[in-house]
Structures are given as C-alpha cells and as structure tokens.
Amino acid sequence: MNEDELGKFSWLNPPDFQFPREKEVQDKYNKDIGTNKQKEFINSVRDKIEKYGLTIEVNGYPYYVQEPIKHSCLWYKGVFTPENVITYLNLHNIKYITFFENASEFKSIKSISHYHIFHY
C-alpha cells in the first residue's frame, strides 16, 4: 500500500478487511502465531506497558506498505484516545500517515490494546 491508499483509513475509518502482508512475512507470521516466540513478545510488551504505560514497537510482521513507509504498533494499557496518540507521535517527531485499531476479528493479539501506526 502506498501513502494515498493508507490515507483512506484512520481511527475514525479503520479497514473492514485484513491488510495484506508480503508472502514471506505472512508465512513467518503463520509459523510464529501461538508459539513461544509470540508469548515472549507479548510478555515483553506487557512488561514495558506496566513500566511506562505504553510502548511503540516496529511491527515484526508488517503489513505490505511501500518503502519508505514503516509499520509500527503502539501498545498501551488503560484508556489511550486517538488524541493521545496524535500527541505522542507529535512529541516524538514521528511523521505519521495514519493510525487505527483493527477490528477485533483482525487482531492476532487481542489481550493488549494497540494502534497500528504507519509512518516515515
């Protein structure tokens, strides 16, 4: 996806489909779901949000986006509104294209709230 295609989505208008991944990334994702690798990642994220309230991590299984766009996830506990996300991204000088939360049926990690961030 390019910037224009990504720009059609937002926290107010999240996608109603699963974003695609490159085949190699999707294969790795399918292989790692439910394994110790995923459990270790979840525990690491939980530790960080317990300590800091949130963490932003480059997505290890990014959706297909054109270079130089990056795909990260902002993981948080409690209430973290879209306005809070915008403030966070601006404070950290992250030039973002868009962000949204996936619908429940598209979340592989449902136990920790997170936004998908597409940025440079």
N, C-alpha and C. Protein backbone atom coordinates (compact mmCIF):
# COMPACT_ATOMS: atom_id res chain seq x y z
N MET A 1 0.84 -1.18 0.00
CA MET A 1 0.00 0.00 0.00
C MET A 1 0.89 1.24 0.00
N ASN A 2 0.44 2.23 -0.70
CA ASN A 2 1.18 3.48 -0.73
C ASN A 2 0.50 4.49 0.21
N GLU A 3 1.07 5.67 0.29
CA GLU A 3 0.57 6.69 1.21
C GLU A 3 -0.88 7.06 0.90
N ASP A 4 -1.22 7.20 -0.36
CA ASP A 4 -2.60 7.56 -0.73
C ASP A 4 -3.59 6.48 -0.30
N GLU A 5 -3.23 5.22 -0.53
CA GLU A 5 -4.12 4.12 -0.14
C GLU A 5 -4.27 4.05 1.38
N LEU A 6 -3.16 4.21 2.10
CA LEU A 6 -3.21 4.19 3.56
C LEU A 6 -4.03 5.36 4.10
N GLY A 7 -3.93 6.50 3.43
CA GLY A 7 -4.63 7.69 3.88
C GLY A 7 -6.15 7.58 3.85
N LYS A 8 -6.67 6.54 3.20
CA LYS A 8 -8.12 6.31 3.19
C LYS A 8 -8.62 5.78 4.53
N PHE A 9 -7.69 5.32 5.37
CA PHE A 9 -8.05 4.73 6.65
C PHE A 9 -7.59 5.62 7.79
N SER A 10 -8.29 5.54 8.90
CA SER A 10 -7.93 6.32 10.08
C SER A 10 -8.58 5.69 11.30
N TRP A 11 -8.35 6.30 12.44
CA TRP A 11 -9.00 5.80 13.66
C TRP A 11 -10.51 5.96 13.57
N LEU A 12 -10.97 6.90 12.75
CA LEU A 12 -12.40 7.07 12.53
C LEU A 12 -12.93 6.13 11.45
N ASN A 13 -12.03 5.68 10.59
CA ASN A 13 -12.42 4.83 9.46
C ASN A 13 -11.41 3.69 9.31
N PRO A 14 -11.40 2.75 10.26
CA PRO A 14 -10.45 1.64 10.15
C PRO A 14 -10.85 0.69 9.01
N PRO A 15 -9.90 -0.08 8.52
CA PRO A 15 -10.25 -1.01 7.44
C PRO A 15 -11.23 -2.08 7.91
N ASP A 16 -12.05 -2.52 6.99
CA ASP A 16 -13.01 -3.60 7.30
C ASP A 16 -12.54 -4.91 6.68
N PHE A 17 -11.23 -5.03 6.52
CA PHE A 17 -10.61 -6.23 5.98
C PHE A 17 -9.22 -6.36 6.60
N GLN A 18 -8.65 -7.54 6.47
CA GLN A 18 -7.29 -7.78 6.95
C GLN A 18 -6.30 -7.23 5.94
N PHE A 19 -5.43 -6.34 6.39
CA PHE A 19 -4.41 -5.81 5.49
C PHE A 19 -3.51 -6.94 5.02
N PRO A 20 -3.06 -6.89 3.78
CA PRO A 20 -2.17 -7.94 3.27
C PRO A 20 -0.73 -7.76 3.75
N ARG A 21 -0.01 -8.88 3.75
CA ARG A 21 1.42 -8.90 4.03
C ARG A 21 2.11 -9.52 2.82
N GLU A 22 3.41 -9.24 2.67
CA GLU A 22 4.17 -9.95 1.66
C GLU A 22 4.13 -11.44 2.01
N LYS A 23 4.23 -12.30 1.01
CA LYS A 23 4.11 -13.74 1.23
C LYS A 23 5.09 -14.25 2.28
N GLU A 24 6.35 -13.83 2.22
CA GLU A 24 7.35 -14.29 3.18
C GLU A 24 6.99 -13.86 4.60
N VAL A 25 6.50 -12.65 4.73
CA VAL A 25 6.11 -12.13 6.05
C VAL A 25 4.89 -12.89 6.56
N GLN A 26 3.91 -13.14 5.69
CA GLN A 26 2.72 -13.88 6.09
C GLN A 26 3.08 -15.31 6.49
N ASP A 27 4.00 -15.94 5.77
CA ASP A 27 4.43 -17.30 6.12
C ASP A 27 5.09 -17.32 7.50
N LYS A 28 5.94 -16.34 7.77
CA LYS A 28 6.61 -16.24 9.08
C LYS A 28 5.56 -15.99 10.19
N TYR A 29 4.63 -15.11 9.92
CA TYR A 29 3.54 -14.80 10.85
C TYR A 29 2.76 -16.07 11.18
N ASN A 30 2.35 -16.80 10.14
CA ASN A 30 1.58 -18.04 10.34
C ASN A 30 2.36 -19.05 11.17
N LYS A 31 3.66 -19.12 10.95
CA LYS A 31 4.51 -20.07 11.65
C LYS A 31 4.67 -19.69 13.13
N ASP A 32 4.71 -18.40 13.43
CA ASP A 32 5.01 -17.93 14.79
C ASP A 32 3.80 -17.77 15.70
N ILE A 33 2.60 -17.68 15.13
CA ILE A 33 1.40 -17.48 15.94
C ILE A 33 1.23 -18.67 16.90
N GLY A 34 1.06 -18.34 18.18
CA GLY A 34 0.81 -19.36 19.19
C GLY A 34 2.06 -20.05 19.72
N THR A 35 3.23 -19.63 19.26
CA THR A 35 4.48 -20.26 19.70
C THR A 35 5.08 -19.49 20.87
N ASN A 36 6.16 -20.04 21.42
CA ASN A 36 6.88 -19.36 22.49
C ASN A 36 7.40 -18.00 22.05
N LYS A 37 7.77 -17.88 20.79
CA LYS A 37 8.24 -16.59 20.26
C LYS A 37 7.16 -15.52 20.45
N GLN A 38 5.92 -15.85 20.11
CA GLN A 38 4.83 -14.90 20.28
C GLN A 38 4.59 -14.62 21.77
N LYS A 39 4.61 -15.66 22.59
CA LYS A 39 4.40 -15.48 24.03
C LYS A 39 5.48 -14.60 24.65
N GLU A 40 6.74 -14.77 24.22
CA GLU A 40 7.83 -13.93 24.72
C GLU A 40 7.61 -12.48 24.31
N PHE A 41 7.18 -12.27 23.07
CA PHE A 41 6.90 -10.91 22.61
C PHE A 41 5.80 -10.27 23.45
N ILE A 42 4.71 -11.00 23.66
CA ILE A 42 3.59 -10.48 24.45
C ILE A 42 4.06 -10.13 25.86
N ASN A 43 4.85 -11.00 26.47
CA ASN A 43 5.36 -10.73 27.82
C ASN A 43 6.26 -9.50 27.84
N SER A 44 7.08 -9.34 26.81
CA SER A 44 7.96 -8.16 26.72
C SER A 44 7.13 -6.88 26.61
N VAL A 45 6.10 -6.91 25.77
CA VAL A 45 5.23 -5.73 25.63
C VAL A 45 4.52 -5.45 26.95
N ARG A 46 4.00 -6.48 27.59
CA ARG A 46 3.31 -6.28 28.87
C ARG A 46 4.25 -5.66 29.91
N ASP A 47 5.49 -6.14 29.97
CA ASP A 47 6.46 -5.57 30.91
C ASP A 47 6.68 -4.09 30.65
N LYS A 48 6.82 -3.73 29.37
CA LYS A 48 7.06 -2.32 29.02
C LYS A 48 5.85 -1.45 29.36
N ILE A 49 4.65 -1.92 29.06
CA ILE A 49 3.49 -1.07 29.35
C ILE A 49 3.19 -1.02 30.85
N GLU A 50 3.58 -2.05 31.58
CA GLU A 50 3.44 -1.97 33.04
C GLU A 50 4.38 -0.91 33.60
N LYS A 51 5.56 -0.82 33.03
CA LYS A 51 6.56 0.14 33.49
C LYS A 51 6.28 1.56 33.00
N TYR A 52 5.91 1.69 31.71
CA TYR A 52 5.79 3.02 31.09
C TYR A 52 4.36 3.42 30.71
N GLY A 53 3.43 2.49 30.74
CA GLY A 53 2.06 2.79 30.33
C GLY A 53 1.80 2.54 28.87
N LEU A 54 2.87 2.52 28.06
CA LEU A 54 2.75 2.24 26.63
C LEU A 54 4.12 1.92 26.07
N THR A 55 4.13 1.38 24.89
CA THR A 55 5.37 1.18 24.14
C THR A 55 5.04 1.19 22.65
N ILE A 56 5.97 1.69 21.87
CA ILE A 56 5.80 1.63 20.41
C ILE A 56 6.89 0.70 19.89
N GLU A 57 6.47 -0.25 19.06
CA GLU A 57 7.37 -1.27 18.55
C GLU A 57 7.19 -1.38 17.03
N VAL A 58 8.30 -1.51 16.32
CA VAL A 58 8.21 -1.80 14.89
C VAL A 58 7.52 -3.15 14.75
N ASN A 59 6.55 -3.25 13.87
CA ASN A 59 5.81 -4.50 13.69
C ASN A 59 6.72 -5.55 13.07
N GLY A 60 6.88 -6.68 13.77
CA GLY A 60 7.71 -7.77 13.27
C GLY A 60 7.09 -8.50 12.09
N TYR A 61 5.82 -8.28 11.86
CA TYR A 61 5.09 -8.90 10.74
C TYR A 61 4.31 -7.79 10.03
N PRO A 62 5.03 -6.85 9.43
CA PRO A 62 4.35 -5.66 8.91
C PRO A 62 3.41 -5.98 7.75
N TYR A 63 2.37 -5.16 7.68
CA TYR A 63 1.52 -5.20 6.51
C TYR A 63 2.32 -4.71 5.32
N TYR A 64 1.88 -5.07 4.14
CA TYR A 64 2.60 -4.65 2.95
C TYR A 64 2.40 -3.15 2.73
N VAL A 65 3.49 -2.42 2.85
CA VAL A 65 3.49 -0.98 2.56
C VAL A 65 4.73 -0.67 1.73
N GLN A 66 4.60 0.34 0.89
CA GLN A 66 5.71 0.72 0.03
C GLN A 66 6.77 1.44 0.84
N GLU A 67 8.02 1.21 0.48
CA GLU A 67 9.14 1.93 1.08
C GLU A 67 8.96 3.41 0.78
N PRO A 68 9.34 4.31 1.62
CA PRO A 68 10.00 4.15 2.92
C PRO A 68 9.02 4.08 4.10
N ILE A 69 7.77 3.76 3.85
CA ILE A 69 6.77 3.71 4.92
C ILE A 69 7.10 2.56 5.88
N LYS A 70 6.93 2.83 7.16
CA LYS A 70 7.14 1.83 8.20
C LYS A 70 5.81 1.53 8.90
N HIS A 71 5.73 0.34 9.47
CA HIS A 71 4.53 -0.10 10.19
C HIS A 71 4.94 -0.45 11.61
N SER A 72 4.43 0.31 12.56
CA SER A 72 4.69 0.05 13.97
C SER A 72 3.37 -0.12 14.70
N CYS A 73 3.46 -0.60 15.94
CA CYS A 73 2.27 -0.70 16.79
C CYS A 73 2.55 0.04 18.09
N LEU A 74 1.56 0.81 18.52
CA LEU A 74 1.62 1.49 19.80
C LEU A 74 0.72 0.70 20.75
N TRP A 75 1.36 0.02 21.71
CA TRP A 75 0.68 -0.84 22.67
C TRP A 75 0.48 -0.05 23.94
N TYR A 76 -0.68 -0.19 24.59
CA TYR A 76 -0.98 0.62 25.76
C TYR A 76 -1.92 -0.10 26.70
N LYS A 77 -1.98 0.44 27.92
CA LYS A 77 -2.97 -0.07 28.88
C LYS A 77 -3.88 1.09 29.25
N GLY A 78 -5.05 0.74 29.74
CA GLY A 78 -6.00 1.77 30.13
C GLY A 78 -6.62 2.43 28.92
N VAL A 79 -6.92 3.70 29.08
CA VAL A 79 -7.54 4.47 28.00
C VAL A 79 -6.46 5.29 27.32
N PHE A 80 -6.34 5.14 26.04
CA PHE A 80 -5.39 5.92 25.26
C PHE A 80 -6.14 6.35 24.01
N THR A 81 -6.65 7.55 24.03
CA THR A 81 -7.53 8.04 22.96
C THR A 81 -6.73 8.37 21.71
N PRO A 82 -7.41 8.47 20.58
CA PRO A 82 -6.72 8.90 19.36
C PRO A 82 -6.02 10.25 19.54
N GLU A 83 -6.60 11.14 20.31
CA GLU A 83 -5.95 12.42 20.57
C GLU A 83 -4.64 12.22 21.32
N ASN A 84 -4.61 11.25 22.26
CA ASN A 84 -3.37 10.92 22.96
C ASN A 84 -2.33 10.37 21.98
N VAL A 85 -2.78 9.56 21.03
CA VAL A 85 -1.85 9.00 20.03
C VAL A 85 -1.22 10.13 19.23
N ILE A 86 -2.04 11.05 18.77
CA ILE A 86 -1.54 12.18 17.98
C ILE A 86 -0.52 12.98 18.79
N THR A 87 -0.84 13.26 20.03
CA THR A 87 0.09 13.99 20.90
C THR A 87 1.39 13.23 21.05
N TYR A 88 1.31 11.93 21.32
CA TYR A 88 2.51 11.10 21.48
C TYR A 88 3.37 11.14 20.22
N LEU A 89 2.75 10.92 19.07
CA LEU A 89 3.50 10.90 17.82
C LEU A 89 4.15 12.25 17.54
N ASN A 90 3.42 13.32 17.78
CA ASN A 90 3.98 14.65 17.56
C ASN A 90 5.12 14.96 18.52
N LEU A 91 4.97 14.58 19.79
CA LEU A 91 6.03 14.82 20.78
C LEU A 91 7.31 14.07 20.43
N HIS A 92 7.17 12.93 19.79
CA HIS A 92 8.33 12.12 19.42
C HIS A 92 8.74 12.31 17.96
N ASN A 93 8.21 13.38 17.35
CA ASN A 93 8.57 13.74 15.97
C ASN A 93 8.41 12.58 15.00
N ILE A 94 7.34 11.82 15.18
CA ILE A 94 7.05 10.70 14.27
C ILE A 94 6.09 11.22 13.21
N LYS A 95 6.57 11.30 11.98
CA LYS A 95 5.74 11.78 10.88
C LYS A 95 4.85 10.62 10.43
N TYR A 96 3.61 10.68 10.82
CA TYR A 96 2.72 9.57 10.54
C TYR A 96 1.79 9.88 9.38
N ILE A 97 1.39 8.82 8.71
CA ILE A 97 0.43 8.91 7.61
C ILE A 97 -0.97 8.71 8.18
N THR A 98 -1.11 7.63 8.96
CA THR A 98 -2.39 7.32 9.58
C THR A 98 -2.17 6.33 10.70
N PHE A 99 -3.21 6.13 11.49
CA PHE A 99 -3.20 5.10 12.51
C PHE A 99 -4.63 4.66 12.77
N PHE A 100 -4.76 3.43 13.25
CA PHE A 100 -6.09 2.90 13.58
C PHE A 100 -5.92 1.67 14.44
N GLU A 101 -7.04 1.27 15.06
CA GLU A 101 -7.10 -0.02 15.74
C GLU A 101 -7.85 -0.97 14.82
N ASN A 102 -7.32 -2.16 14.68
CA ASN A 102 -8.01 -3.16 13.88
C ASN A 102 -9.30 -3.59 14.58
N ALA A 103 -10.27 -3.98 13.79
CA ALA A 103 -11.48 -4.61 14.34
C ALA A 103 -11.06 -5.91 15.01
N SER A 104 -11.79 -6.33 16.00
CA SER A 104 -11.45 -7.50 16.80
C SER A 104 -11.15 -8.73 15.94
N GLU A 105 -11.92 -8.93 14.88
CA GLU A 105 -11.72 -10.13 14.07
C GLU A 105 -10.40 -10.14 13.31
N PHE A 106 -9.71 -8.99 13.26
CA PHE A 106 -8.43 -8.92 12.55
C PHE A 106 -7.24 -8.83 13.50
N LYS A 107 -7.49 -8.91 14.80
CA LYS A 107 -6.42 -8.82 15.79
C LYS A 107 -5.88 -10.20 16.11
N SER A 108 -4.56 -10.35 16.00
CA SER A 108 -3.96 -11.62 16.41
C SER A 108 -3.59 -11.59 17.89
N ILE A 109 -3.39 -10.40 18.44
CA ILE A 109 -3.14 -10.25 19.88
C ILE A 109 -4.26 -9.38 20.43
N LYS A 110 -5.24 -10.04 20.99
CA LYS A 110 -6.43 -9.33 21.49
C LYS A 110 -6.28 -8.90 22.93
N SER A 111 -5.29 -9.46 23.63
CA SER A 111 -5.16 -9.23 25.06
C SER A 111 -4.50 -7.91 25.42
N ILE A 112 -3.90 -7.23 24.43
CA ILE A 112 -3.26 -5.94 24.69
C ILE A 112 -3.76 -4.94 23.65
N SER A 113 -4.29 -3.84 24.11
CA SER A 113 -4.79 -2.82 23.19
C SER A 113 -3.63 -2.21 22.41
N HIS A 114 -3.87 -1.95 21.13
CA HIS A 114 -2.82 -1.34 20.31
C HIS A 114 -3.39 -0.69 19.05
N TYR A 115 -2.66 0.33 18.63
CA TYR A 115 -2.93 1.03 17.38
C TYR A 115 -1.87 0.64 16.37
N HIS A 116 -2.26 0.50 15.12
CA HIS A 116 -1.31 0.33 14.03
C HIS A 116 -0.94 1.73 13.53
N ILE A 117 0.34 2.00 13.47
CA ILE A 117 0.84 3.31 13.06
C ILE A 117 1.61 3.14 11.76
N PHE A 118 1.29 3.93 10.76
CA PHE A 118 2.02 3.92 9.50
C PHE A 118 2.74 5.27 9.40
N HIS A 119 4.05 5.20 9.29
CA HIS A 119 4.86 6.42 9.44
C HIS A 119 6.12 6.34 8.60
N TYR A 120 6.87 7.43 8.63
CA TYR A 120 8.18 7.50 7.95
C TYR A 120 9.28 7.44 8.97
